[in-house]
Amino acid sequence: MLCQDYPNIEHIVLDGGSTDGTIDLLRQYDDRIALWKSERDSGMYSAWNKGILEAHGEWICFLGADDEFLPGAVSAYMELAGKNPHAQYLSSKIRVVHSTGYTKTAGTPWTWKQFSKFMCTVHPGSMHRRSLFQQLGNYDTSYRIVGDYELLLRARERLRAAFMPNITVIMRAEGMSGTREALREKALAKVATGGRSKWLSSLELKVDNAKYLLRPLHYVLGGVVARLRERGR
């Protein structure tokens, strides 16, 4: 975030009580971070809710510990906001990177038809207008992994969104969002918010679980292809 060229960024860092030297690193950037705290919390969405209360800007975004904004990302988002003054949510594309060397590009424009089935937009680095939280409330901390999806599902087809095809974030693929528990939570969130019927959500969960079983092979083969391409250059 500190490499961004947009001048009006309020950096807020909420650490869950790390003992790995994170505190010493944060102290080195005291002059560039508006606020940082290191204390135990009840999970990622608990920390994000604290961040929402502390933030002063019109637009709020979230980056996890393994997410990285590419240079110029925030400026591009603010340009998108200027072109879409009624938008409540802004998203883009991201590059997902796996330790095997496999990479992929993720993120498509928001539509309720797609979003009610799966999170077609990508959350890391995406922008939420402050009024969206005033309208929908904060993150539901009963979700451990897909609270970002559940929040936007609450808006249903009324969400006003805008998209840009730029890649703005690098995300590591080994995070919690790629687990079976994430798939289960996603199915629950779709039913709880009325996005899908219980029967249809259950069917989609079975399909997602089948794809999950093939994912490790997909990553390995993708990594092999990536290395072969690199050698061929």
Protein backbone atom coordinates (compact mmCIF):
# COMPACT_ATOMS: atom_id res chain seq x y z
CA MET A 1 0.00 0.00 0.00
CA LEU A 2 2.82 2.43 0.77
CA CYS A 3 3.93 2.41 -2.89
CA GLN A 4 0.64 3.89 -4.12
CA ASP A 5 0.77 7.27 -5.86
CA TYR A 6 -2.72 8.39 -4.79
CA PRO A 7 -2.17 11.17 -2.20
CA ASN A 8 -5.16 10.70 0.12
CA ILE A 9 -4.88 7.24 1.63
CA GLU A 10 -5.51 6.48 5.28
CA HIS A 11 -3.57 3.34 6.21
CA ILE A 12 -5.07 1.31 9.04
CA VAL A 13 -3.37 -1.92 10.13
CA LEU A 14 -5.16 -4.32 12.49
CA ASP A 15 -2.98 -7.19 13.64
CA GLY A 16 -4.30 -10.13 15.60
CA GLY A 17 -1.59 -10.07 18.25
CA SER A 18 1.34 -11.35 16.18
CA THR A 19 4.58 -12.38 17.89
CA ASP A 20 6.67 -12.71 14.71
CA GLY A 21 8.20 -9.24 14.59
CA THR A 22 5.18 -7.54 12.98
CA ILE A 23 5.01 -4.95 15.78
CA ASP A 24 8.61 -3.87 15.26
CA LEU A 25 7.93 -3.50 11.54
CA LEU A 26 4.81 -1.40 12.14
CA ARG A 27 6.73 0.91 14.46
CA GLN A 28 9.17 1.62 11.65
CA TYR A 29 6.29 3.07 9.62
CA ASP A 30 4.58 5.05 12.38
CA ASP A 31 4.88 8.23 10.34
CA ARG A 32 3.02 6.71 7.35
CA ILE A 33 0.34 4.64 9.06
CA ALA A 34 -2.68 6.53 10.37
CA LEU A 35 -3.48 3.85 12.94
CA TRP A 36 -2.25 0.40 13.89
CA LYS A 37 -3.31 -1.96 16.63
CA SER A 38 -2.09 -5.37 17.66
CA GLU A 39 -4.57 -7.23 19.83
CA ARG A 40 -6.40 -10.51 19.87
CA ASP A 41 -9.65 -10.60 17.96
CA SER A 42 -12.26 -13.18 16.99
CA GLY A 43 -11.20 -13.44 13.35
CA MET A 44 -10.68 -11.47 10.17
CA TYR A 45 -14.16 -9.95 10.01
CA SER A 46 -13.96 -8.80 13.61
CA ALA A 47 -10.79 -6.92 12.67
CA TRP A 48 -12.39 -5.48 9.54
CA ASN A 49 -15.37 -4.24 11.52
CA LYS A 50 -12.95 -2.41 13.81
CA GLY A 51 -11.33 -0.89 10.73
CA ILE A 52 -14.66 0.37 9.42
CA LEU A 53 -15.27 2.19 12.71
CA GLU A 54 -11.82 3.80 12.59
CA ALA A 55 -11.81 4.78 8.89
CA HIS A 56 -12.63 8.35 7.85
CA GLY A 57 -12.59 8.14 4.05
CA GLU A 58 -15.49 7.82 1.62
CA TRP A 59 -14.09 4.60 0.14
CA ILE A 60 -12.90 1.64 2.22
CA CYS A 61 -10.93 -1.37 0.99
CA PHE A 62 -9.38 -4.40 2.66
CA LEU A 63 -6.13 -6.23 2.00
CA GLY A 64 -5.21 -9.44 3.78
CA ALA A 65 -1.72 -10.26 5.01
CA ASP A 66 -0.83 -12.04 1.76
CA ASP A 67 -2.46 -9.55 -0.63
CA GLU A 68 -0.47 -6.91 -2.49
CA PHE A 69 -1.70 -3.82 -4.34
CA LEU A 70 0.08 -3.21 -7.64
CA PRO A 71 1.41 0.32 -8.30
CA GLY A 72 -1.26 2.78 -9.38
CA ALA A 73 -4.16 0.60 -8.20
CA VAL A 74 -5.79 3.14 -5.88
CA SER A 75 -5.52 5.95 -8.44
CA ALA A 76 -7.19 3.71 -11.02
CA TYR A 77 -9.99 2.95 -8.57
CA MET A 78 -10.55 6.60 -7.77
CA GLU A 79 -10.74 7.36 -11.49
CA LEU A 80 -13.35 4.62 -11.80
CA ALA A 81 -15.27 6.13 -8.89
CA GLY A 82 -15.27 9.52 -10.60
CA LYS A 83 -16.74 8.00 -13.75
CA ASN A 84 -19.41 6.14 -11.74
CA PRO A 85 -20.63 8.60 -9.09
CA HIS A 86 -23.58 6.43 -8.06
CA ALA A 87 -21.57 3.24 -7.56
CA GLN A 88 -21.42 1.69 -4.10
CA TYR A 89 -18.92 -1.05 -4.91
CA LEU A 90 -15.91 -1.05 -7.24
CA SER A 91 -13.99 -4.15 -8.32
CA SER A 92 -11.29 -5.17 -10.77
CA LYS A 93 -9.24 -8.18 -11.78
CA ILE A 94 -6.54 -9.77 -9.63
CA ARG A 95 -3.65 -12.14 -10.26
CA VAL A 96 -3.80 -15.32 -8.18
CA VAL A 97 -0.40 -16.94 -7.55
CA HIS A 98 0.20 -20.48 -6.27
CA SER A 99 3.45 -21.84 -4.81
CA THR A 100 3.68 -24.34 -7.70
CA GLY A 101 4.19 -21.43 -10.09
CA TYR A 102 0.63 -21.60 -11.38
CA THR A 103 -1.05 -18.23 -11.91
CA LYS A 104 -4.45 -17.15 -13.10
CA THR A 105 -6.43 -13.96 -13.55
CA ALA A 106 -9.71 -13.72 -11.65
CA GLY A 107 -12.54 -11.20 -11.44
CA THR A 108 -15.48 -10.32 -13.67
CA PRO A 109 -18.09 -7.53 -13.57
CA TRP A 110 -20.77 -7.83 -10.90
CA THR A 111 -24.20 -9.03 -11.99
CA TRP A 112 -26.80 -10.38 -9.59
CA LYS A 113 -27.43 -13.41 -11.82
CA GLN A 114 -23.80 -14.47 -11.48
CA PHE A 115 -23.16 -13.22 -7.96
CA SER A 116 -26.10 -15.12 -6.50
CA LYS A 117 -24.37 -18.34 -7.67
CA PHE A 118 -20.76 -17.53 -6.74
CA MET A 119 -18.54 -14.57 -5.98
CA CYS A 120 -17.80 -13.52 -9.55
CA THR A 121 -16.13 -10.32 -8.33
CA VAL A 122 -12.92 -10.49 -6.33
CA HIS A 123 -12.80 -8.89 -2.90
CA PRO A 124 -9.09 -8.17 -2.21
CA GLY A 125 -8.53 -4.46 -2.74
CA SER A 126 -12.04 -3.79 -4.00
CA MET A 127 -13.64 -0.54 -2.89
CA HIS A 128 -16.77 -0.12 -0.74
CA ARG A 129 -18.44 3.25 -0.40
CA ARG A 130 -18.90 4.06 3.29
CA SER A 131 -22.67 4.40 2.79
CA LEU A 132 -22.82 0.73 1.76
CA PHE A 133 -21.98 -0.33 5.32
CA GLN A 134 -24.50 2.16 6.67
CA GLN A 135 -27.09 0.51 4.43
CA LEU A 136 -26.18 -3.15 4.91
CA GLY A 137 -24.48 -3.19 8.31
CA ASN A 138 -21.02 -4.55 9.07
CA TYR A 139 -19.54 -8.00 8.50
CA ASP A 140 -21.25 -10.95 10.14
CA THR A 141 -18.52 -12.45 12.35
CA SER A 142 -20.25 -15.83 12.47
CA TYR A 143 -18.65 -16.35 9.05
CA ARG A 144 -14.95 -17.10 9.24
CA ILE A 145 -14.08 -17.05 5.52
CA VAL A 146 -16.86 -15.74 3.25
CA GLY A 147 -18.21 -12.81 5.26
CA ASP A 148 -17.25 -10.48 2.40
CA TYR A 149 -19.48 -12.49 0.04
CA GLU A 150 -22.34 -12.62 2.56
CA LEU A 151 -22.27 -8.85 3.06
CA LEU A 152 -22.70 -8.09 -0.64
CA LEU A 153 -25.33 -10.80 -1.01
CA ARG A 154 -27.51 -8.79 1.38
CA ALA A 155 -27.82 -6.04 -1.22
CA ARG A 156 -29.18 -8.54 -3.76
CA GLU A 157 -29.96 -7.01 -7.17
CA ARG A 158 -29.99 -3.48 -5.70
CA LEU A 159 -26.19 -3.25 -5.47
CA ARG A 160 -24.76 -0.49 -7.69
CA ALA A 161 -21.40 -1.72 -8.88
CA ALA A 162 -18.70 -0.71 -11.35
CA PHE A 163 -15.81 -2.74 -12.76
CA MET A 164 -12.48 -2.10 -14.46
CA PRO A 165 -10.45 -4.75 -16.32
CA ASN A 166 -7.15 -3.70 -14.71
CA ILE A 167 -5.23 -6.18 -12.57
CA THR A 168 -4.80 -4.35 -9.26
CA VAL A 169 -3.85 -7.01 -6.70
CA ILE A 170 -1.64 -10.08 -6.35
CA MET A 171 -3.23 -12.72 -4.11
CA ARG A 172 -1.73 -15.95 -2.80
CA ALA A 173 -3.84 -18.99 -3.71
CA GLU A 174 -3.18 -21.02 -0.55
CA GLY A 175 -5.45 -18.94 1.69
CA MET A 176 -8.59 -19.97 3.56
CA SER A 177 -10.83 -18.97 0.66
CA GLY A 178 -9.77 -22.12 -1.18
CA THR A 179 -10.85 -24.62 1.53
CA ARG A 180 -13.85 -26.93 1.93
CA GLU A 181 -14.99 -24.81 4.84
CA ALA A 182 -15.18 -21.80 2.53
CA LEU A 183 -17.40 -23.76 0.14
CA ARG A 184 -19.69 -24.77 2.99
CA GLU A 185 -19.94 -21.21 4.27
CA LYS A 186 -20.67 -19.94 0.77
CA ALA A 187 -23.60 -22.34 0.45
CA LEU A 188 -24.97 -21.23 3.84
CA ALA A 189 -24.61 -17.54 2.96
CA LYS A 190 -26.53 -17.91 -0.30
CA VAL A 191 -29.48 -19.48 1.52
CA ALA A 192 -29.38 -17.14 4.53
CA THR A 193 -29.54 -14.01 2.34
CA GLY A 194 -32.17 -15.39 -0.01
CA GLY A 195 -29.83 -15.55 -2.99
CA ARG A 196 -30.53 -19.24 -3.62
CA SER A 197 -32.95 -21.87 -2.43
CA LYS A 198 -31.64 -24.48 0.01
CA TRP A 199 -32.02 -27.20 -2.62
CA LEU A 200 -30.18 -25.28 -5.34
CA SER A 201 -27.41 -24.17 -3.00
CA SER A 202 -26.92 -27.78 -1.89
CA LEU A 203 -26.62 -28.90 -5.50
CA GLU A 204 -24.08 -26.18 -6.27
CA LEU A 205 -22.10 -27.19 -3.17
CA LYS A 206 -21.81 -30.75 -4.51
CA VAL A 207 -20.46 -29.41 -7.80
CA ASP A 208 -18.00 -27.13 -5.95
CA ASN A 209 -16.78 -30.04 -3.83
CA ALA A 210 -16.15 -32.12 -6.95
CA LYS A 211 -14.07 -29.28 -8.42
CA TYR A 212 -12.24 -28.97 -5.10
CA LEU A 213 -10.99 -32.54 -5.36
CA LEU A 214 -9.41 -31.75 -8.73
CA ARG A 215 -7.87 -28.46 -7.61
CA PRO A 216 -4.48 -29.82 -6.38
CA LEU A 217 -3.91 -31.54 -9.73
CA HIS A 218 -4.92 -28.36 -11.52
CA TYR A 219 -2.35 -26.35 -9.55
CA VAL A 220 0.43 -28.88 -10.14
CA LEU A 221 -0.21 -29.11 -13.88
CA GLY A 222 -0.57 -25.36 -14.11
CA GLY A 223 2.76 -24.94 -12.36
CA VAL A 224 4.45 -27.33 -14.79
CA VAL A 225 3.06 -25.41 -17.76
CA ALA A 226 4.22 -22.12 -16.24
CA ARG A 227 7.79 -23.42 -15.77
CA LEU A 228 7.92 -24.80 -19.30
CA ARG A 229 6.83 -21.46 -20.68
CA GLU A 230 9.49 -19.71 -18.63
CA ARG A 231 12.21 -22.02 -19.96
CA GLY A 232 11.03 -21.47 -23.52
CA ARG A 233 11.53 -17.73 -23.37
